[in-house]
Protein backbone atom coordinates (compact mmCIF):
# COMPACT_ATOMS: atom_id res chain seq x y z
CA UNK A 1 117.84 101.84 123.39
CA UNK A 2 119.69 101.67 120.36
CA UNK A 3 122.48 99.35 120.08
CA UNK A 4 124.11 100.36 116.49
CA UNK A 5 127.19 102.11 116.41
CA UNK A 6 127.13 105.75 116.23
CA UNK A 7 129.34 107.40 113.62
CA UNK A 8 130.20 111.28 113.27
CA UNK A 9 129.79 112.76 109.88
CA UNK A 10 130.33 116.14 107.76
CA UNK A 11 127.39 118.40 109.15
CA UNK A 12 126.55 119.28 105.29
CA UNK A 13 123.81 116.90 103.63
CA UNK A 14 126.05 116.55 100.56
CA UNK A 15 129.03 115.42 102.96
CA UNK A 16 126.79 112.62 104.59
CA UNK A 17 125.83 111.15 101.51
CA UNK A 18 129.56 111.11 100.50
CA UNK A 19 130.68 109.44 103.58
CA UNK A 20 127.72 106.88 103.65
CA UNK A 21 128.34 106.38 100.06
CA UNK A 22 132.07 105.59 100.61
CA UNK A 23 131.02 103.31 103.50
CA UNK A 24 128.91 101.14 101.01
CA UNK A 25 125.85 101.81 103.10
CA UNK A 26 123.84 103.24 100.00
CA UNK A 27 122.26 102.19 96.90
CA UNK A 28 124.05 104.64 94.95
CA UNK A 29 121.57 107.54 95.23
CA UNK A 30 121.39 110.16 98.14
CA UNK A 31 119.77 109.13 101.61
CA UNK A 32 118.20 110.48 104.56
CA UNK A 33 120.72 110.31 107.33
CA UNK A 34 119.22 107.71 110.22
CA UNK A 35 119.20 110.10 113.14
CA UNK A 36 118.43 108.84 116.47
CA UNK A 37 115.11 110.57 116.59
CA UNK A 38 113.73 109.47 113.03
CA UNK A 39 114.87 105.53 113.67
CA UNK A 40 113.17 105.93 117.42
CA UNK A 41 110.14 107.08 115.68
CA UNK A 42 109.87 103.91 113.42
CA UNK A 43 110.65 101.74 116.15
CA UNK A 44 107.88 103.16 118.53
CA UNK A 45 105.33 102.94 115.58
CA UNK A 46 105.26 99.24 115.58
CA UNK A 47 105.44 98.94 119.21
CA UNK A 48 108.06 96.34 119.53
CA UNK A 49 111.42 96.58 121.12
CA UNK A 50 114.42 97.43 118.96
CA UNK A 51 116.45 94.58 119.42
CA UNK A 52 113.57 91.95 118.26
CA UNK A 53 114.98 89.80 115.44
CA UNK A 54 112.97 89.46 112.78
CA UNK A 55 115.45 86.99 110.70
CA UNK A 56 118.61 86.56 109.14
CA UNK A 57 118.91 87.97 105.70
CA UNK A 58 121.20 85.88 103.42
CA UNK A 59 123.74 85.49 101.95
CA UNK A 60 125.72 87.29 104.80
CA UNK A 61 123.29 86.00 107.49
CA UNK A 62 123.10 89.64 108.85
CA UNK A 63 120.50 89.77 111.68
CA UNK A 64 117.43 91.94 110.87
CA UNK A 65 116.30 93.59 113.95
CA UNK A 66 113.48 96.15 114.37
CA UNK A 67 116.45 98.42 114.76
CA UNK A 68 118.14 97.67 111.89
CA UNK A 69 115.07 97.47 109.59
CA UNK A 70 114.20 101.25 110.71
CA UNK A 71 117.65 102.46 110.14
CA UNK A 72 117.41 101.33 106.35
CA UNK A 73 113.86 102.41 106.24
CA UNK A 74 114.67 105.90 107.36
CA UNK A 75 117.81 106.06 104.85
CA UNK A 76 115.23 105.23 102.02
CA UNK A 77 113.05 107.71 103.22
CA UNK A 78 110.23 105.98 104.82
CA UNK A 79 107.62 107.17 107.08
CA UNK A 80 106.92 105.30 110.44
CA UNK A 81 103.71 104.23 109.34
CA UNK A 82 105.51 102.06 106.14
CA UNK A 83 107.23 99.87 108.83
CA UNK A 84 104.39 97.31 109.06
CA UNK A 85 104.65 96.74 105.27
CA UNK A 86 108.54 96.31 105.70
CA UNK A 87 108.41 93.75 108.44
CA UNK A 88 105.73 91.67 106.47
CA UNK A 89 107.92 91.66 103.39
CA UNK A 90 110.86 90.79 105.20
CA UNK A 91 108.85 88.12 106.89
CA UNK A 92 107.70 86.70 103.47
CA UNK A 93 111.20 87.03 102.03
CA UNK A 94 113.45 85.19 104.64
CA UNK A 95 110.88 82.18 104.85
CA UNK A 96 111.81 78.78 103.84
CA UNK A 97 109.67 79.12 100.89
CA UNK A 98 111.15 82.28 99.15
CA UNK A 99 114.58 81.58 97.52
CA UNK A 100 115.99 84.79 98.86
CA UNK A 101 119.57 83.50 98.96
CA UNK A 102 119.55 82.19 95.19
CA UNK A 103 118.10 85.82 94.31
CA UNK A 104 121.01 87.52 95.99
CA UNK A 105 123.55 85.85 94.43
CA UNK A 106 122.46 84.76 90.79
CA UNK A 107 123.40 86.34 87.58
CA UNK A 108 119.72 86.67 86.81
CA UNK A 109 118.50 90.24 87.75
CA UNK A 110 115.85 89.24 89.92
CA UNK A 111 114.45 91.47 92.44
CA UNK A 112 111.53 91.34 95.24
CA UNK A 113 108.56 92.70 93.72
CA UNK A 114 105.96 93.95 96.28
CA UNK A 115 102.38 93.81 95.68
CA UNK A 116 100.13 95.36 98.46
CA UNK A 117 96.62 94.60 99.23
CA UNK A 118 93.87 95.74 101.65
CA UNK A 119 93.12 98.95 103.67
CA UNK A 120 96.53 99.96 104.27
CA UNK A 121 97.02 100.99 100.94
CA UNK A 122 95.00 104.10 101.48
CA UNK A 123 96.52 104.74 104.68
CA UNK A 124 100.04 105.23 103.77
CA UNK A 125 99.09 106.55 100.44
CA UNK A 126 99.95 103.86 98.29
CA UNK A 127 99.86 104.51 94.36
CA UNK A 128 97.39 101.65 92.72
CA UNK A 129 96.70 103.62 89.66
CA UNK A 130 98.41 105.82 86.75
CA UNK A 131 102.24 105.40 87.11
CA UNK A 132 101.96 102.53 89.87
CA UNK A 133 105.23 101.18 89.17
CA UNK A 134 106.91 104.90 87.99
CA UNK A 135 107.88 107.63 89.86
CA UNK A 136 106.53 110.23 92.02
CA UNK A 137 105.07 108.44 94.96
CA UNK A 138 106.70 108.07 98.01
CA UNK A 139 105.15 104.98 99.58
CA UNK A 140 105.91 103.19 96.69
CA UNK A 141 109.23 104.64 96.00
CA UNK A 142 110.70 104.21 99.50
CA UNK A 143 109.07 101.00 100.75
CA UNK A 144 110.73 98.98 97.69
CA UNK A 145 113.99 101.01 98.00
CA UNK A 146 113.98 100.06 101.89
CA UNK A 147 113.82 96.53 100.76
CA UNK A 148 116.82 96.90 98.60
CA UNK A 149 119.04 98.62 101.39
CA UNK A 150 118.17 95.96 103.65
CA UNK A 151 119.29 93.14 101.03
CA UNK A 152 122.56 95.21 100.83
CA UNK A 153 123.45 96.58 103.95
CA UNK A 154 122.09 93.33 106.20
CA UNK A 155 122.03 90.77 103.62
CA UNK A 156 125.72 91.61 102.28
CA UNK A 157 124.41 91.30 98.53
CA UNK A 158 126.95 94.03 97.23
CA UNK A 159 126.56 94.42 93.29
CA UNK A 160 129.66 92.98 91.45
CA UNK A 161 130.98 91.26 94.11
CA UNK A 162 128.04 89.06 95.89
CA UNK A 163 125.57 90.21 93.73
CA UNK A 164 126.39 88.83 90.31
CA UNK A 165 123.52 89.93 88.49
CA UNK A 166 124.92 90.07 84.53
CA UNK A 167 123.25 93.68 84.04
CA UNK A 168 120.68 94.22 86.73
CA UNK A 169 117.62 96.68 86.09
CA UNK A 170 116.08 99.65 87.45
CA UNK A 171 113.72 97.40 89.48
CA UNK A 172 116.46 96.32 91.54
CA UNK A 173 116.47 100.27 92.91
CA UNK A 174 112.60 99.74 94.02
CA UNK A 175 109.68 97.58 92.88
CA UNK A 176 106.22 98.08 94.91
CA UNK A 177 102.75 98.99 94.08
CA UNK A 178 99.24 98.59 95.47
CA UNK A 179 96.48 96.31 93.46
CA UNK A 180 93.76 98.68 92.41
CA UNK A 181 91.28 96.57 94.01
CA UNK A 182 88.64 99.55 93.51
CA UNK A 183 89.15 99.71 89.75
CA UNK A 184 89.06 95.65 89.58
CA UNK A 185 86.13 93.68 88.38
CA UNK A 186 87.71 90.57 90.13
CA UNK A 187 88.42 89.45 93.55
CA UNK A 188 91.79 90.91 94.62
CA UNK A 189 94.76 88.94 94.93
CA UNK A 190 95.20 88.62 98.67
CA UNK A 191 91.35 87.37 98.59
CA UNK A 192 92.08 84.64 96.16
CA UNK A 193 94.86 83.44 98.23
CA UNK A 194 92.67 83.20 101.29
CA UNK A 195 92.89 86.24 103.13
CA UNK A 196 89.68 88.42 104.20
CA UNK A 197 89.06 91.58 101.99
CA UNK A 198 89.69 93.66 105.43
CA UNK A 199 93.09 92.21 105.80
CA UNK A 200 96.00 94.17 104.66
CA UNK A 201 98.69 91.91 102.91
CA UNK A 202 102.08 92.30 101.04
CA UNK A 203 103.02 89.37 98.18
CA UNK A 204 106.61 89.01 97.42
CA UNK A 205 107.32 88.21 93.89
CA UNK A 206 110.81 87.19 92.64
CA UNK A 207 110.75 89.46 89.50
CA UNK A 208 113.08 89.36 86.81
CA UNK A 209 111.94 92.08 84.69
CA UNK A 210 108.76 94.24 83.23
CA UNK A 211 107.58 93.63 79.42
CA UNK A 212 105.21 96.14 78.44
CA UNK A 213 102.22 94.62 76.48
CA UNK A 214 100.14 97.12 74.30
CA UNK A 215 97.12 95.04 73.74
CA UNK A 216 94.96 97.52 71.56
CA UNK A 217 94.25 98.12 67.96
CA UNK A 218 94.57 101.09 65.82
CA UNK A 219 92.05 103.34 66.61
CA UNK A 220 89.50 101.56 68.82
CA UNK A 221 89.42 99.30 71.87
CA UNK A 222 90.66 95.97 71.43
CA UNK A 223 88.15 93.08 71.56
CA UNK A 224 88.52 90.39 74.49
CA UNK A 225 89.56 87.65 72.29
CA UNK A 226 92.44 89.91 70.46
CA UNK A 227 93.38 91.10 74.08
CA UNK A 228 93.80 87.75 75.47
CA UNK A 229 95.81 86.37 72.27
CA UNK A 230 98.38 89.21 72.78
CA UNK A 231 98.45 89.23 76.55
CA UNK A 232 99.13 85.51 76.28
CA UNK A 233 101.96 85.50 73.98
CA UNK A 234 103.67 88.19 75.46
CA UNK A 235 104.21 85.53 78.18
CA UNK A 236 106.30 83.00 75.55
CA UNK A 237 108.94 85.84 74.64
CA UNK A 238 111.93 83.41 74.09
CA UNK A 239 114.70 83.93 76.59
CA UNK A 240 112.84 84.50 79.81
CA UNK A 241 113.54 82.39 82.28
CA UNK A 242 110.00 81.00 82.33
CA UNK A 243 110.25 79.80 79.21
CA UNK A 244 114.15 78.95 79.10
CA UNK A 245 113.65 77.01 82.30
CA UNK A 246 111.83 73.82 82.88
CA UNK A 247 109.87 74.15 86.03
CA UNK A 248 106.36 74.59 86.65
CA UNK A 249 106.55 78.52 86.91
CA UNK A 250 104.26 81.08 88.40
CA UNK A 251 103.94 84.02 85.53
CA UNK A 252 102.65 87.24 86.71
CA UNK A 253 100.73 89.41 84.45
CA UNK A 254 99.75 93.10 85.84
CA UNK A 255 96.53 93.93 83.93
CA UNK A 256 95.24 97.42 83.31
CA UNK A 257 91.79 98.73 84.11
CA UNK A 258 90.65 98.86 80.54
CA UNK A 259 91.84 95.29 79.84
CA UNK A 260 90.31 94.16 82.95
CA UNK A 261 86.96 95.93 82.36
CA UNK A 262 87.01 94.60 78.32
CA UNK A 263 87.48 90.80 79.64
CA UNK A 264 84.97 91.32 82.51
CA UNK A 265 82.35 92.81 80.20
CA UNK A 266 82.14 89.73 78.24
CA UNK A 267 81.52 87.74 81.41
CA UNK A 268 85.01 86.25 81.89
CA UNK A 269 85.97 85.53 85.69
CA UNK A 270 89.94 85.91 86.98
CA UNK A 271 89.69 82.16 86.78
CA UNK A 272 88.18 81.85 83.23
CA UNK A 273 90.89 84.73 82.20
CA UNK A 274 93.69 82.43 83.70
CA UNK A 275 92.67 79.28 81.82
CA UNK A 276 92.45 81.12 78.34
CA UNK A 277 95.96 82.62 78.86
CA UNK A 278 97.39 79.55 79.80
CA UNK A 279 95.61 77.50 76.99
CA UNK A 280 97.35 80.48 74.40
CA UNK A 281 100.82 80.85 76.20
CA UNK A 282 102.21 78.22 74.11
CA UNK A 283 105.44 77.96 71.71
CA UNK A 284 105.78 75.26 68.72
CA UNK A 285 108.32 72.74 70.14
CA UNK A 286 110.06 73.06 66.76
CA UNK A 287 111.26 76.73 67.91
CA UNK A 288 113.06 75.59 71.06
CA UNK A 289 116.60 74.49 70.78
CA UNK A 290 116.76 70.60 70.90
CA UNK A 291 117.93 70.49 74.79
CA UNK A 292 115.56 72.85 76.16
CA UNK A 293 112.63 70.87 74.07
CA UNK A 294 114.01 67.72 75.97
CA UNK A 295 114.00 69.30 79.27
CA UNK A 296 110.22 70.37 78.53
CA UNK A 297 109.19 66.88 77.82
CA UNK A 298 110.99 65.43 80.72
CA UNK A 299 108.92 67.70 83.29
CA UNK A 300 105.58 66.97 81.04
CA UNK A 301 105.58 70.66 79.77
CA UNK A 302 104.44 69.51 76.17
CA UNK A 303 101.14 69.15 74.77
CA UNK A 304 99.97 68.48 71.15
CA UNK A 305 103.25 69.58 69.96
CA UNK A 306 103.37 73.01 71.99
CA UNK A 307 105.48 74.02 75.07
CA UNK A 308 103.38 74.64 78.09
CA UNK A 309 104.40 77.87 80.00
CA UNK A 310 103.61 76.30 83.39
CA UNK A 311 101.55 72.92 83.98
CA UNK A 312 98.16 74.45 85.26
CA UNK A 313 96.40 78.06 85.16
CA UNK A 314 96.20 78.26 88.74
CA UNK A 315 99.84 78.95 88.71
CA UNK A 316 99.35 82.16 87.13
CA UNK A 317 99.04 85.54 89.26
CA UNK A 318 96.86 87.94 88.00
CA UNK A 319 97.04 91.66 89.39
CA UNK A 320 94.70 94.93 88.47
CA UNK A 321 96.75 97.97 88.84
CA UNK A 322 97.24 101.42 86.51
CA UNK A 323 95.37 104.16 85.48
CA UNK A 324 92.04 104.41 83.51
CA UNK A 325 93.33 105.15 80.55
CA UNK A 326 95.52 103.55 77.71
CA UNK A 327 95.97 99.72 76.98
CA UNK A 328 98.84 99.01 78.31
CA UNK A 329 99.50 96.01 80.55
CA UNK A 330 102.64 94.32 81.82
CA UNK A 331 104.13 91.10 82.16
CA UNK A 332 106.25 90.37 84.67
CA UNK A 333 108.91 87.35 84.41
CA UNK A 334 110.07 85.79 87.45
CA UNK A 335 112.95 83.99 88.47
CA UNK A 336 113.47 80.57 87.33
CA UNK A 337 113.27 77.35 89.56
CA UNK A 338 109.62 77.45 90.23
CA UNK A 339 109.77 79.94 92.86
CA UNK A 340 106.17 81.03 93.92
CA UNK A 341 104.79 84.27 95.07
CA UNK A 342 104.47 84.35 98.86
CA UNK A 343 101.78 86.39 100.89
CA UNK A 344 102.03 87.72 104.43
CA UNK A 345 99.70 89.72 106.51
CA UNK A 346 100.70 93.02 107.20
CA UNK A 347 100.04 93.56 110.83
CA UNK A 348 98.95 97.33 111.57
CA UNK A 349 99.61 98.54 115.09
CA UNK A 350 96.26 99.07 117.04
CA UNK A 351 94.06 97.87 114.34
């Protein structure tokens, strides 16, 4: 049985939206009314009791039960089969290794970025190809949105009061994609992180923006060497938290199919690509403000007069996603403080 308080609202869809918005339960966009039958369907799909506790969401410490997760999933527009992804993502975010409280209250526009691997991508119709971070795909849009609603409604991160993001950014509405494993010449992210190919996983990344990287040449494909140089230098944009903060950061690069193919065709493994990117993603120390240069030296992030983005290439996360055309990849700067991506297995009922 459900224990959440029942409310009576206007019978019109517009009236429901107005009422829930006034109560502060939305992200500003219209939501699906979380009626008893829709919430029950989500709970029944995962085969758990409505009152089972997944954990507490900071900073308010609201208790994320299966029921509360289901309510927010319905409001976001999720189908019941998306619930296992949400449960795994929440478990990843509330663990001690993920600085969710800091993300919830910082002036940095950080948001959870979900990268999904394994068979569940096809099972729920997750977009891994063209426009994987764009509009038009229900699973991508609503899974990420459900996470945001949970951070608002259960975690209490109300923009402008608790959430102190100076500007925020559209990724705080939703940010979710699947890795395009079928188009990748390399092992997928979850296999690289120690899981089997047959397992489904979600990796939660504390993203602080997206930076489009066009690594091509006029009228022809870029060569591997020039592509690597452009991709590497895109990660040294002055002002990203990974440049300004003196920690062992975990840069994230989403490489499109064409760039991945160009690099693989010259025999480069994923580890070799990471090594080259790490070697080239550097800034002359003379470009840094004196205080920042001192911090980089104190953290041993200086080599031969150049600032290192992080201390070793293994900290770089490389994901293959996107469509088959265009030489556009994406650099995802992440929240400072040395926060690493966290990966959890998605437990699909009956599988």
